[in-house]
Amino acid sequence: MVRARALTVAGPPAADDAEDAELAEHAGRGAAGRAGMPLALPAAACLGVAVVSLALPASLAFDPWAWLVWGREAVHLELDTTGGPSWKPLPVLVSAVVSVAGDHATTVWLVASRTAGLLALVLAFRLAARFAGPTAGAVAAGLLLLTPDGGPRFLRLVAEGHADAVSATLCLWAVERHLDGRRAHALLLGTGLALMRPEAWPFLGLYAGWLWRREPRQRRLVAAALVSVPLLWFGGDWWGSGSPWHGADAAQVVSGSAADRFGLALERAAKVVVPPAWVAAAVAVISARWRRDRVLPALAAGAVVWIALVTVMSVALGYAALSRFLLPAAGLVCVLAGIGAVRAVAAVPVGAVRVAVAALAVTASVPAVLPRVLALDTLAAGIETRARLERELDVAIDRAGGPDAVLACGQVAIDQSDVPRMALAWKLGLPLGDVGRRPGDAPGVVFARLGGPQDRTLSTENRPDVVPLARSAEWVVYALACPVVRNG
């Protein structure tokens, strides 16, 4: 009681009091809306779905294979971040822990990343529901499922263990924790996001500065968060590559003029959600102005700034403005769209007119939504194809005598530069840079796609030093001037 009186006498300015009152209102609303449903329960459901999903064919994507290799190397203090994607600290920290599972590390990663990715849908539901009820939550989650492009690849990112779906989870969870008044939790989640996406750095800096002023007791945590981000981003890459700027250089992959990059970035931003979602999100922001609610406009501003940052980084620095980089913004837009859709219908008088308006809105949205729903079948087929290529690599390695027999020949190459190269490095215990894209002059082994250009070349050259070692349904393994094979 004494402490409360002291705070009243020497309290924050009136504007801060109003902000605290507004956050308290949202915290109370959220608690009431989630009564009996703490996040642990839907998280456990997501975990169950992730475990059951292991029965479906799916392989890791390009980046997760690289992160697993780097995590294994970090544990053995032999980190080599060359030859792969750009460095991201958080996934590698997680993969370092996962790598202790040995041969089961890929399974553990898939379960963990799928669970975290599916939580984005849960959090989109919860955030929209706290403002406009469960129908708004269902709309928000459904729209997020159809992001971040016409593919739509959200499910593919989750299925293949990518971290970008998790970036949406961290963003939405940080918002929820802030609205619940758990600002230290929000800071930690924002730090996690900043360890995955550089676009989050300005947001983390602003929130850390705000928290530093508002809650002095959290200053040690704020300082640790601000120090950890540059330390892990630049220090980790420096350790693994010899240069703190290696990851930034590796990310500069977009060619063409600045105008072309700007146009492509805008196109991807426009397509990150279906068109009706933009309209419904705008309705949510307008309704918030009437209600004197500052939270929804702040979420909209955050989404716009995130998109702007991705665009500017592409135009000015040559980074790829990939649609998956926009998922945190997409999550916020979907939440707003769920709220706006419900509020727009609720503004119509109760009765047949409201039903007609809702039906008209759904009907008008079908042409935009249906193509993405139908594309899920093609998406599933692509996931299965990539999974088959990865599975058949295991078969080819086993038929060639196992990893030791393959490595005994010298250098290793594979004629696929994307996922199979990363997977082969993991399976053979090699640094990413030690798996080439084409055979060199030294003795070694080449994994060639069955029926592909490399297979046709090596099978028709009639060279005595080229010996087929093994064959699977997708791969042919050739030994090139291998002393073990030649002498055996």
Protein backbone atom coordinates (compact mmCIF):
# COMPACT_ATOMS: atom_id res chain seq x y z
CA MET A 1 0.00 0.00 0.00
CA VAL A 2 2.84 2.39 0.89
CA ARG A 3 4.59 1.61 -2.37
CA ALA A 4 1.36 2.22 -4.30
CA ARG A 5 0.95 5.64 -2.66
CA ALA A 6 4.53 6.54 -3.50
CA LEU A 7 3.95 5.67 -7.11
CA THR A 8 0.82 7.80 -7.11
CA VAL A 9 2.63 10.82 -5.76
CA ALA A 10 5.74 10.52 -7.94
CA GLY A 11 4.12 8.69 -10.81
CA PRO A 12 4.61 8.95 -14.54
CA PRO A 13 3.14 11.72 -16.66
CA ALA A 14 -0.53 11.76 -17.50
CA ALA A 15 0.06 10.38 -21.00
CA ASP A 16 1.78 7.37 -19.49
CA ASP A 17 -1.11 6.88 -17.08
CA ALA A 18 -3.50 6.83 -20.03
CA GLU A 19 -1.31 4.32 -21.81
CA ASP A 20 -1.15 2.08 -18.75
CA ALA A 21 -4.93 2.28 -18.38
CA GLU A 22 -5.39 1.30 -22.01
CA LEU A 23 -2.99 -1.64 -21.67
CA ALA A 24 -4.73 -2.73 -18.49
CA GLU A 25 -8.04 -2.70 -20.35
CA HIS A 26 -6.62 -4.87 -23.12
CA ALA A 27 -4.97 -7.17 -20.59
CA GLY A 28 -8.27 -7.64 -18.80
CA ARG A 29 -10.11 -8.18 -22.07
CA GLY A 30 -7.54 -10.74 -23.15
CA ALA A 31 -7.67 -12.60 -19.86
CA ALA A 32 -11.44 -12.78 -20.01
CA GLY A 33 -11.39 -13.95 -23.61
CA ARG A 34 -8.88 -16.66 -22.82
CA ALA A 35 -10.41 -17.85 -19.58
CA GLY A 36 -9.55 -21.50 -19.04
CA MET A 37 -7.29 -21.58 -22.09
CA PRO A 38 -3.66 -20.71 -21.25
CA LEU A 39 -1.24 -20.85 -24.16
CA ALA A 40 0.24 -24.11 -22.86
CA LEU A 41 -2.87 -26.02 -23.93
CA PRO A 42 -2.93 -25.01 -27.61
CA ALA A 43 0.88 -25.30 -27.62
CA ALA A 44 0.52 -28.91 -26.50
CA ALA A 45 -2.01 -29.44 -29.30
CA CYS A 46 0.47 -27.96 -31.81
CA LEU A 47 3.12 -30.32 -30.46
CA GLY A 48 0.78 -33.24 -30.98
CA VAL A 49 0.06 -32.19 -34.55
CA ALA A 50 3.79 -31.77 -35.18
CA VAL A 51 4.53 -35.27 -33.94
CA VAL A 52 1.70 -36.83 -35.96
CA SER A 53 2.83 -34.92 -39.06
CA LEU A 54 6.10 -36.86 -39.07
CA ALA A 55 4.13 -39.64 -40.77
CA LEU A 56 3.73 -37.39 -43.82
CA PRO A 57 6.54 -37.06 -46.39
CA ALA A 58 8.50 -33.87 -45.82
CA SER A 59 12.17 -32.96 -45.68
CA LEU A 60 13.98 -30.02 -44.22
CA ALA A 61 14.37 -26.92 -46.37
CA PHE A 62 17.69 -25.40 -47.51
CA ASP A 63 18.30 -23.14 -44.52
CA PRO A 64 17.41 -25.65 -41.75
CA TRP A 65 19.90 -28.19 -43.13
CA ALA A 66 22.58 -25.50 -43.00
CA TRP A 67 21.61 -24.50 -39.47
CA LEU A 68 21.85 -28.11 -38.30
CA VAL A 69 25.33 -28.39 -39.81
CA TRP A 70 26.38 -25.14 -38.15
CA GLY A 71 24.88 -26.15 -34.82
CA ARG A 72 26.80 -29.42 -34.88
CA GLU A 73 29.99 -27.58 -35.75
CA ALA A 74 29.42 -24.97 -33.03
CA VAL A 75 29.10 -27.69 -30.40
CA HIS A 76 32.49 -29.07 -31.53
CA LEU A 77 33.96 -25.54 -31.72
CA GLU A 78 34.55 -25.96 -35.47
CA LEU A 79 32.01 -23.50 -36.88
CA ASP A 80 32.33 -22.79 -40.61
CA THR A 81 29.59 -20.50 -41.92
CA THR A 82 30.87 -20.36 -45.49
CA GLY A 83 29.17 -22.25 -48.28
CA GLY A 84 25.63 -21.79 -47.01
CA PRO A 85 22.91 -19.18 -46.47
CA SER A 86 23.41 -15.96 -44.54
CA TRP A 87 24.07 -16.33 -40.82
CA LYS A 88 21.17 -16.11 -38.36
CA PRO A 89 21.99 -16.57 -34.66
CA LEU A 90 18.75 -17.88 -33.14
CA PRO A 91 18.26 -20.91 -35.45
CA VAL A 92 21.89 -21.92 -34.95
CA LEU A 93 21.61 -21.59 -31.17
CA VAL A 94 18.60 -23.89 -31.27
CA SER A 95 20.25 -26.31 -33.72
CA ALA A 96 23.32 -26.52 -31.47
CA VAL A 97 21.07 -27.89 -28.72
CA VAL A 98 19.20 -30.12 -31.15
CA SER A 99 22.43 -31.54 -32.61
CA VAL A 100 23.14 -33.49 -29.43
CA ALA A 101 20.34 -35.82 -30.53
CA GLY A 102 22.72 -37.19 -33.18
CA ASP A 103 20.95 -39.09 -35.92
CA HIS A 104 17.60 -38.00 -34.50
CA ALA A 105 18.45 -34.29 -34.70
CA THR A 106 16.48 -33.74 -37.89
CA THR A 107 13.38 -35.27 -36.32
CA VAL A 108 13.74 -33.17 -33.18
CA TRP A 109 14.21 -30.04 -35.30
CA LEU A 110 11.12 -30.79 -37.38
CA VAL A 111 8.95 -31.33 -34.31
CA ALA A 112 10.20 -28.19 -32.58
CA SER A 113 10.02 -25.92 -35.62
CA ARG A 114 6.60 -27.22 -36.70
CA THR A 115 5.23 -26.73 -33.20
CA ALA A 116 6.55 -23.16 -33.07
CA GLY A 117 5.33 -22.41 -36.59
CA LEU A 118 1.82 -23.69 -35.92
CA LEU A 119 1.69 -21.49 -32.84
CA ALA A 120 1.55 -18.49 -35.19
CA LEU A 121 -1.95 -19.59 -36.19
CA VAL A 122 -2.95 -19.94 -32.55
CA LEU A 123 -1.61 -16.51 -31.68
CA ALA A 124 -3.29 -14.89 -34.68
CA PHE A 125 -6.56 -16.40 -33.44
CA ARG A 126 -6.00 -15.22 -29.86
CA LEU A 127 -5.04 -11.67 -30.77
CA ALA A 128 -7.97 -11.15 -33.12
CA ALA A 129 -10.37 -12.85 -30.70
CA ARG A 130 -9.43 -10.57 -27.81
CA PHE A 131 -10.65 -7.57 -29.84
CA ALA A 132 -13.59 -8.98 -31.80
CA GLY A 133 -14.41 -12.50 -30.64
CA PRO A 134 -13.68 -16.04 -31.86
CA THR A 135 -15.05 -15.48 -35.36
CA ALA A 136 -12.44 -12.77 -35.87
CA GLY A 137 -9.83 -15.18 -34.56
CA ALA A 138 -10.87 -17.88 -36.99
CA VAL A 139 -10.72 -15.44 -39.90
CA ALA A 140 -7.27 -14.24 -38.85
CA ALA A 141 -5.86 -17.76 -38.52
CA GLY A 142 -7.39 -18.82 -41.84
CA LEU A 143 -5.94 -15.83 -43.65
CA LEU A 144 -2.49 -16.42 -42.15
CA LEU A 145 -2.65 -19.99 -43.41
CA LEU A 146 -2.93 -18.59 -46.95
CA THR A 147 0.19 -16.41 -46.73
CA PRO A 148 2.83 -15.25 -47.68
CA ASP A 149 2.26 -15.54 -51.44
CA GLY A 150 0.03 -17.10 -54.04
CA GLY A 151 1.61 -20.52 -53.33
CA PRO A 152 0.69 -20.25 -50.47
CA ARG A 153 3.85 -21.37 -48.70
CA PHE A 154 3.03 -20.96 -45.02
CA LEU A 155 2.30 -24.68 -44.67
CA ARG A 156 5.40 -25.55 -46.69
CA LEU A 157 7.55 -23.41 -44.40
CA VAL A 158 6.07 -25.15 -41.37
CA ALA A 159 6.32 -28.64 -42.89
CA GLU A 160 9.93 -28.18 -43.99
CA GLY A 161 11.11 -26.82 -40.67
CA HIS A 162 11.86 -23.28 -41.79
CA ALA A 163 12.25 -20.53 -39.21
CA ASP A 164 10.31 -17.82 -41.04
CA ALA A 165 6.97 -19.16 -39.83
CA VAL A 166 8.44 -18.94 -36.33
CA SER A 167 9.24 -15.27 -36.94
CA ALA A 168 5.50 -14.63 -37.20
CA THR A 169 5.01 -16.56 -33.95
CA LEU A 170 7.58 -14.47 -32.11
CA CYS A 171 6.07 -11.23 -33.44
CA LEU A 172 2.49 -12.07 -32.50
CA TRP A 173 3.48 -13.53 -29.14
CA ALA A 174 5.48 -10.41 -28.28
CA VAL A 175 2.40 -8.29 -29.04
CA GLU A 176 0.20 -10.51 -26.87
CA ARG A 177 2.65 -10.44 -23.97
CA HIS A 178 2.87 -6.66 -24.14
CA LEU A 179 -0.91 -6.33 -24.12
CA ASP A 180 -0.99 -8.68 -21.15
CA GLY A 181 1.37 -6.32 -19.31
CA ARG A 182 4.25 -8.82 -19.39
CA ARG A 183 6.77 -6.44 -20.85
CA ALA A 184 9.90 -8.41 -19.96
CA HIS A 185 8.44 -11.38 -21.83
CA ALA A 186 7.68 -9.13 -24.79
CA LEU A 187 11.28 -7.88 -24.77
CA LEU A 188 12.68 -11.41 -24.76
CA LEU A 189 10.42 -12.46 -27.62
CA GLY A 190 11.39 -9.35 -29.54
CA THR A 191 15.03 -10.19 -28.95
CA GLY A 192 14.44 -13.65 -30.35
CA LEU A 193 12.87 -12.11 -33.43
CA ALA A 194 15.81 -9.72 -33.77
CA LEU A 195 18.15 -12.73 -33.70
CA MET A 196 16.31 -14.06 -36.76
CA ARG A 197 15.42 -11.02 -38.84
CA PRO A 198 17.40 -7.75 -39.07
CA GLU A 199 14.15 -5.91 -39.82
CA ALA A 200 13.31 -6.39 -36.14
CA TRP A 201 16.32 -4.42 -34.91
CA PRO A 202 14.66 -0.96 -35.04
CA PHE A 203 11.57 -2.32 -33.28
CA LEU A 204 13.68 -3.90 -30.55
CA GLY A 205 15.65 -0.70 -30.10
CA LEU A 206 12.54 1.43 -29.72
CA TYR A 207 10.86 -1.00 -27.34
CA ALA A 208 14.02 -1.38 -25.28
CA GLY A 209 14.30 2.40 -24.97
CA TRP A 210 10.66 2.66 -23.93
CA LEU A 211 11.04 -0.13 -21.38
CA TRP A 212 14.27 1.36 -20.04
CA ARG A 213 12.39 4.56 -19.21
CA ARG A 214 9.16 2.98 -17.98
CA GLU A 215 10.50 0.10 -15.88
CA PRO A 216 13.93 0.82 -14.38
CA ARG A 217 14.01 -2.59 -12.70
CA GLN A 218 14.22 -4.18 -16.16
CA ARG A 219 17.28 -2.23 -17.24
CA ARG A 220 19.70 -5.13 -16.82
CA LEU A 221 17.51 -7.26 -19.03
CA VAL A 222 17.22 -4.44 -21.57
CA ALA A 223 21.00 -4.00 -21.65
CA ALA A 224 21.56 -7.75 -22.06
CA ALA A 225 19.08 -7.87 -24.94
CA LEU A 226 20.67 -4.94 -26.75
CA VAL A 227 24.17 -6.35 -26.35
CA SER A 228 23.26 -9.91 -27.35
CA VAL A 229 21.91 -9.01 -30.77
CA PRO A 230 25.05 -7.48 -32.34
CA LEU A 231 27.29 -9.85 -30.40
CA LEU A 232 25.60 -12.98 -31.74
CA TRP A 233 24.94 -11.64 -35.24
CA PHE A 234 28.40 -10.30 -35.98
CA GLY A 235 30.46 -12.26 -33.47
CA GLY A 236 29.05 -15.62 -34.52
CA ASP A 237 29.61 -14.98 -38.20
CA TRP A 238 33.09 -13.64 -37.50
CA TRP A 239 33.92 -16.86 -35.69
CA GLY A 240 32.54 -19.03 -38.48
CA SER A 241 33.80 -17.14 -41.53
CA GLY A 242 36.59 -14.83 -40.42
CA SER A 243 34.53 -11.74 -41.22
CA PRO A 244 31.70 -10.13 -39.23
CA TRP A 245 30.20 -8.98 -42.54
CA HIS A 246 30.17 -12.35 -44.29
CA GLY A 247 26.45 -12.96 -43.70
CA ALA A 248 25.55 -9.49 -44.93
CA ASP A 249 27.60 -10.06 -48.08
CA ALA A 250 26.08 -13.51 -48.65
CA ALA A 251 22.57 -12.03 -48.41
CA GLN A 252 23.22 -9.61 -51.28
CA VAL A 253 21.92 -11.92 -53.98
CA VAL A 254 19.54 -9.70 -55.98
CA SER A 255 20.73 -8.26 -59.27
CA GLY A 256 19.08 -5.73 -61.54
CA SER A 257 18.43 -2.05 -61.10
CA ALA A 258 17.14 -0.46 -57.92
CA ALA A 259 13.88 0.32 -59.74
CA ASP A 260 13.43 -3.36 -60.64
CA ARG A 261 14.12 -4.42 -57.06
CA PHE A 262 11.68 -1.82 -55.77
CA GLY A 263 8.94 -3.02 -58.11
CA LEU A 264 9.50 -6.67 -57.18
CA ALA A 265 9.46 -5.88 -53.45
CA LEU A 266 6.20 -3.96 -53.77
CA GLU A 267 4.63 -6.78 -55.78
CA ARG A 268 5.52 -9.32 -53.12
CA ALA A 269 4.31 -7.05 -50.36
CA ALA A 270 0.95 -6.61 -52.10
CA LYS A 271 0.56 -10.37 -52.48
CA VAL A 272 1.59 -11.30 -48.96
CA VAL A 273 -2.09 -11.56 -48.00
CA VAL A 274 -5.18 -11.95 -50.15
CA PRO A 275 -6.65 -8.61 -51.34
CA PRO A 276 -9.78 -8.74 -49.12
CA ALA A 277 -7.50 -8.93 -46.09
CA TRP A 278 -6.06 -5.50 -46.87
CA VAL A 279 -9.57 -4.05 -47.04
CA ALA A 280 -10.67 -5.69 -43.80
CA ALA A 281 -7.46 -4.56 -42.06
CA ALA A 282 -8.19 -0.98 -43.11
CA VAL A 283 -11.68 -1.32 -41.63
CA ALA A 284 -10.12 -2.42 -38.33
CA VAL A 285 -7.86 0.63 -38.23
CA ILE A 286 -10.75 2.99 -39.03
CA SER A 287 -12.94 1.42 -36.38
CA ALA A 288 -10.13 1.77 -33.87
CA ARG A 289 -10.05 5.52 -34.49
CA TRP A 290 -13.74 5.72 -33.62
CA ARG A 291 -13.15 3.67 -30.48
CA ARG A 292 -10.09 5.71 -29.53
CA ASP A 293 -8.09 2.50 -29.51
CA ARG A 294 -4.40 3.10 -30.16
CA VAL A 295 -3.38 -0.55 -30.27
CA LEU A 296 -4.74 -1.49 -33.69
CA PRO A 297 -3.27 1.55 -35.49
CA ALA A 298 0.04 0.73 -33.81
CA LEU A 299 -0.12 -2.84 -35.16
CA ALA A 300 -0.91 -1.50 -38.62
CA ALA A 301 1.99 0.93 -38.42
CA GLY A 302 4.28 -1.89 -37.35
CA ALA A 303 3.25 -4.00 -40.35
CA VAL A 304 3.78 -1.09 -42.75
CA VAL A 305 7.19 -0.25 -41.29
CA TRP A 306 8.29 -3.90 -41.47
CA ILE A 307 7.30 -4.08 -45.14
CA ALA A 308 9.07 -0.78 -45.77
CA LEU A 309 12.25 -2.08 -44.15
CA VAL A 310 12.26 -5.23 -46.29
CA THR A 311 11.74 -3.06 -49.37
CA VAL A 312 14.44 -0.54 -48.49
CA MET A 313 16.96 -3.28 -47.70
CA SER A 314 16.27 -4.84 -51.09
CA VAL A 315 16.53 -1.58 -53.01
CA ALA A 316 19.50 -0.08 -51.17
CA LEU A 317 21.51 -3.19 -50.26
CA GLY A 318 20.53 -5.80 -52.83
CA TYR A 319 18.94 -8.18 -50.32
CA ALA A 320 16.17 -10.47 -51.49
CA ALA A 321 12.70 -9.19 -50.57
CA LEU A 322 11.37 -12.74 -50.31
CA SER A 323 7.74 -13.14 -49.38
CA ARG A 324 8.64 -15.24 -46.33
CA PHE A 325 10.59 -12.30 -44.91
CA LEU A 326 7.26 -10.48 -44.69
CA LEU A 327 5.53 -13.04 -42.47
CA PRO A 328 5.65 -10.98 -39.24
CA ALA A 329 3.89 -8.16 -41.09
CA ALA A 330 1.50 -10.65 -42.68
CA GLY A 331 0.58 -11.98 -39.24
CA LEU A 332 -0.31 -8.49 -38.03
CA VAL A 333 -2.34 -7.74 -41.16
CA CYS A 334 -4.27 -11.00 -40.79
CA VAL A 335 -5.09 -10.17 -37.17
CA LEU A 336 -6.35 -6.76 -38.22
CA ALA A 337 -8.30 -8.31 -41.09
CA GLY A 338 -10.08 -10.73 -38.77
CA ILE A 339 -11.06 -7.86 -36.48
CA GLY A 340 -12.11 -5.62 -39.37
CA ALA A 341 -14.21 -8.30 -41.03
CA VAL A 342 -16.22 -8.97 -37.88
CA ARG A 343 -16.63 -5.30 -37.02
CA ALA A 344 -17.78 -4.47 -40.54
CA VAL A 345 -20.54 -7.07 -40.36
CA ALA A 346 -21.43 -6.06 -36.79
CA ALA A 347 -21.96 -2.47 -37.95
CA VAL A 348 -24.94 -3.66 -40.02
CA PRO A 349 -28.29 -3.87 -38.20
CA VAL A 350 -29.13 -7.30 -36.81
CA GLY A 351 -31.33 -9.49 -38.96
CA ALA A 352 -31.60 -10.53 -42.57
CA VAL A 353 -29.60 -7.52 -43.74
CA ARG A 354 -26.59 -8.54 -41.64
CA VAL A 355 -26.78 -12.09 -42.94
CA ALA A 356 -26.98 -10.83 -46.51
CA VAL A 357 -24.00 -8.50 -46.02
CA ALA A 358 -21.91 -11.31 -44.51
CA ALA A 359 -22.82 -13.65 -47.35
CA LEU A 360 -22.01 -10.96 -49.91
CA ALA A 361 -18.61 -10.33 -48.30
CA VAL A 362 -17.77 -14.04 -48.34
CA THR A 363 -18.90 -14.41 -51.95
CA ALA A 364 -16.87 -11.39 -53.04
CA SER A 365 -13.78 -12.83 -51.34
CA VAL A 366 -13.99 -16.24 -53.01
CA PRO A 367 -12.23 -15.26 -56.29
CA ALA A 368 -9.24 -14.02 -54.29
CA VAL A 369 -9.14 -16.80 -51.71
CA LEU A 370 -10.03 -19.86 -53.82
CA PRO A 371 -6.86 -19.91 -55.97
CA ARG A 372 -4.69 -20.06 -52.87
CA VAL A 373 -6.82 -22.83 -51.39
CA LEU A 374 -6.59 -24.84 -54.61
CA ALA A 375 -2.82 -24.26 -54.72
CA LEU A 376 -2.42 -26.27 -51.50
CA ASP A 377 -2.57 -29.47 -53.56
CA THR A 378 0.37 -28.37 -55.72
CA LEU A 379 2.17 -27.28 -52.59
CA ALA A 380 1.79 -30.73 -51.04
CA ALA A 381 3.11 -32.37 -54.21
CA GLY A 382 6.21 -30.17 -54.13
CA ILE A 383 6.86 -31.04 -50.49
CA GLU A 384 6.65 -34.75 -51.30
CA THR A 385 9.03 -34.41 -54.25
CA ARG A 386 11.70 -32.69 -52.16
CA ALA A 387 11.25 -35.27 -49.42
CA ARG A 388 11.76 -38.09 -51.92
CA LEU A 389 15.03 -36.57 -53.15
CA GLU A 390 16.31 -36.39 -49.58
CA ARG A 391 15.22 -39.93 -48.69
CA GLU A 392 16.87 -41.35 -51.78
CA LEU A 393 20.14 -39.67 -50.80
CA ASP A 394 20.19 -41.96 -47.75
CA VAL A 395 19.63 -44.97 -50.01
CA ALA A 396 22.42 -43.90 -52.36
CA ILE A 397 24.88 -43.36 -49.51
CA ASP A 398 24.07 -46.76 -47.99
CA ARG A 399 24.46 -48.55 -51.32
CA ALA A 400 27.79 -46.79 -51.88
CA GLY A 401 29.09 -48.32 -48.67
CA GLY A 402 28.13 -45.66 -46.16
CA PRO A 403 29.60 -42.25 -45.28
CA ASP A 404 33.09 -43.61 -44.55
CA ALA A 405 33.32 -45.30 -47.94
CA VAL A 406 32.15 -42.15 -49.73
CA LEU A 407 34.60 -39.92 -47.87
CA ALA A 408 37.48 -42.34 -48.48
CA CYS A 409 37.47 -41.33 -52.16
CA GLY A 410 38.32 -37.69 -51.47
CA GLN A 411 36.24 -34.67 -52.42
CA VAL A 412 32.43 -34.82 -52.59
CA ALA A 413 30.21 -33.08 -55.13
CA ILE A 414 26.52 -33.09 -56.03
CA ASP A 415 24.91 -31.62 -59.12
CA GLN A 416 22.04 -30.04 -57.14
CA SER A 417 22.97 -26.72 -55.57
CA ASP A 418 20.01 -26.28 -53.25
CA VAL A 419 18.50 -28.60 -50.64
CA PRO A 420 20.33 -31.84 -51.62
CA ARG A 421 23.75 -30.20 -51.19
CA MET A 422 22.90 -29.04 -47.67
CA ALA A 423 21.41 -32.43 -46.81
CA LEU A 424 24.46 -34.29 -48.13
CA ALA A 425 26.79 -32.17 -45.99
CA TRP A 426 24.76 -33.09 -42.90
CA LYS A 427 24.58 -36.78 -43.76
CA LEU A 428 28.32 -37.05 -44.44
CA GLY A 429 29.38 -34.89 -41.49
CA LEU A 430 31.06 -32.29 -43.73
CA PRO A 431 31.20 -28.49 -43.62
CA LEU A 432 28.90 -26.94 -46.20
CA GLY A 433 31.83 -25.56 -48.19
CA ASP A 434 33.31 -29.06 -48.58
CA VAL A 435 30.42 -30.26 -50.73
CA GLY A 436 30.94 -28.91 -54.23
CA ARG A 437 28.44 -28.34 -57.00
CA ARG A 438 30.52 -30.09 -59.67
CA PRO A 439 33.42 -32.55 -59.72
CA GLY A 440 36.93 -31.15 -59.77
CA ASP A 441 40.20 -32.61 -60.99
CA ALA A 442 41.02 -34.35 -57.71
CA PRO A 443 39.75 -37.85 -56.84
CA GLY A 444 36.31 -37.91 -55.33
CA VAL A 445 32.66 -38.89 -55.51
CA VAL A 446 29.81 -37.25 -57.41
CA PHE A 447 26.13 -37.61 -56.60
CA ALA A 448 24.33 -37.06 -59.91
CA ARG A 449 20.59 -36.77 -60.37
CA LEU A 450 19.42 -39.87 -62.21
CA GLY A 451 18.94 -38.99 -65.88
CA GLY A 452 20.28 -35.48 -65.38
CA PRO A 453 23.08 -33.75 -67.35
CA GLN A 454 25.84 -34.89 -64.99
CA ASP A 455 24.60 -38.48 -65.07
CA ARG A 456 24.42 -38.48 -68.87
CA THR A 457 27.93 -37.03 -69.14
CA LEU A 458 29.60 -39.42 -66.71
CA SER A 459 27.77 -42.49 -68.02
CA THR A 460 28.78 -41.90 -71.64
CA GLU A 461 32.39 -40.73 -71.32
CA ASN A 462 33.81 -44.29 -71.13
CA ARG A 463 36.59 -43.11 -68.84
CA PRO A 464 38.32 -45.91 -66.92
CA ASP A 465 38.60 -43.69 -63.85
CA VAL A 466 34.83 -43.13 -63.65
CA VAL A 467 33.12 -45.98 -61.79
CA PRO A 468 29.43 -46.06 -60.81
CA LEU A 469 29.31 -46.92 -57.13
CA ALA A 470 25.58 -47.00 -56.42
CA ARG A 471 22.18 -46.13 -57.74
CA SER A 472 18.88 -45.22 -56.10
CA ALA A 473 15.53 -44.15 -57.48
CA GLU A 474 16.78 -40.53 -57.78
CA TRP A 475 20.59 -40.58 -57.66
CA VAL A 476 23.63 -42.21 -59.22
CA VAL A 477 26.90 -42.16 -57.28
CA TYR A 478 30.09 -42.06 -59.37
CA ALA A 479 33.65 -42.49 -58.12
CA LEU A 480 36.15 -40.35 -60.02
CA ALA A 481 39.75 -41.59 -59.94
CA CYS A 482 39.05 -43.03 -56.50
CA PRO A 483 42.13 -44.94 -55.30
CA VAL A 484 40.04 -47.15 -53.02
CA VAL A 485 37.77 -48.26 -55.84
CA ARG A 486 40.59 -48.55 -58.37
CA ASN A 487 42.73 -50.65 -56.06
CA GLY A 488 39.77 -52.64 -54.77
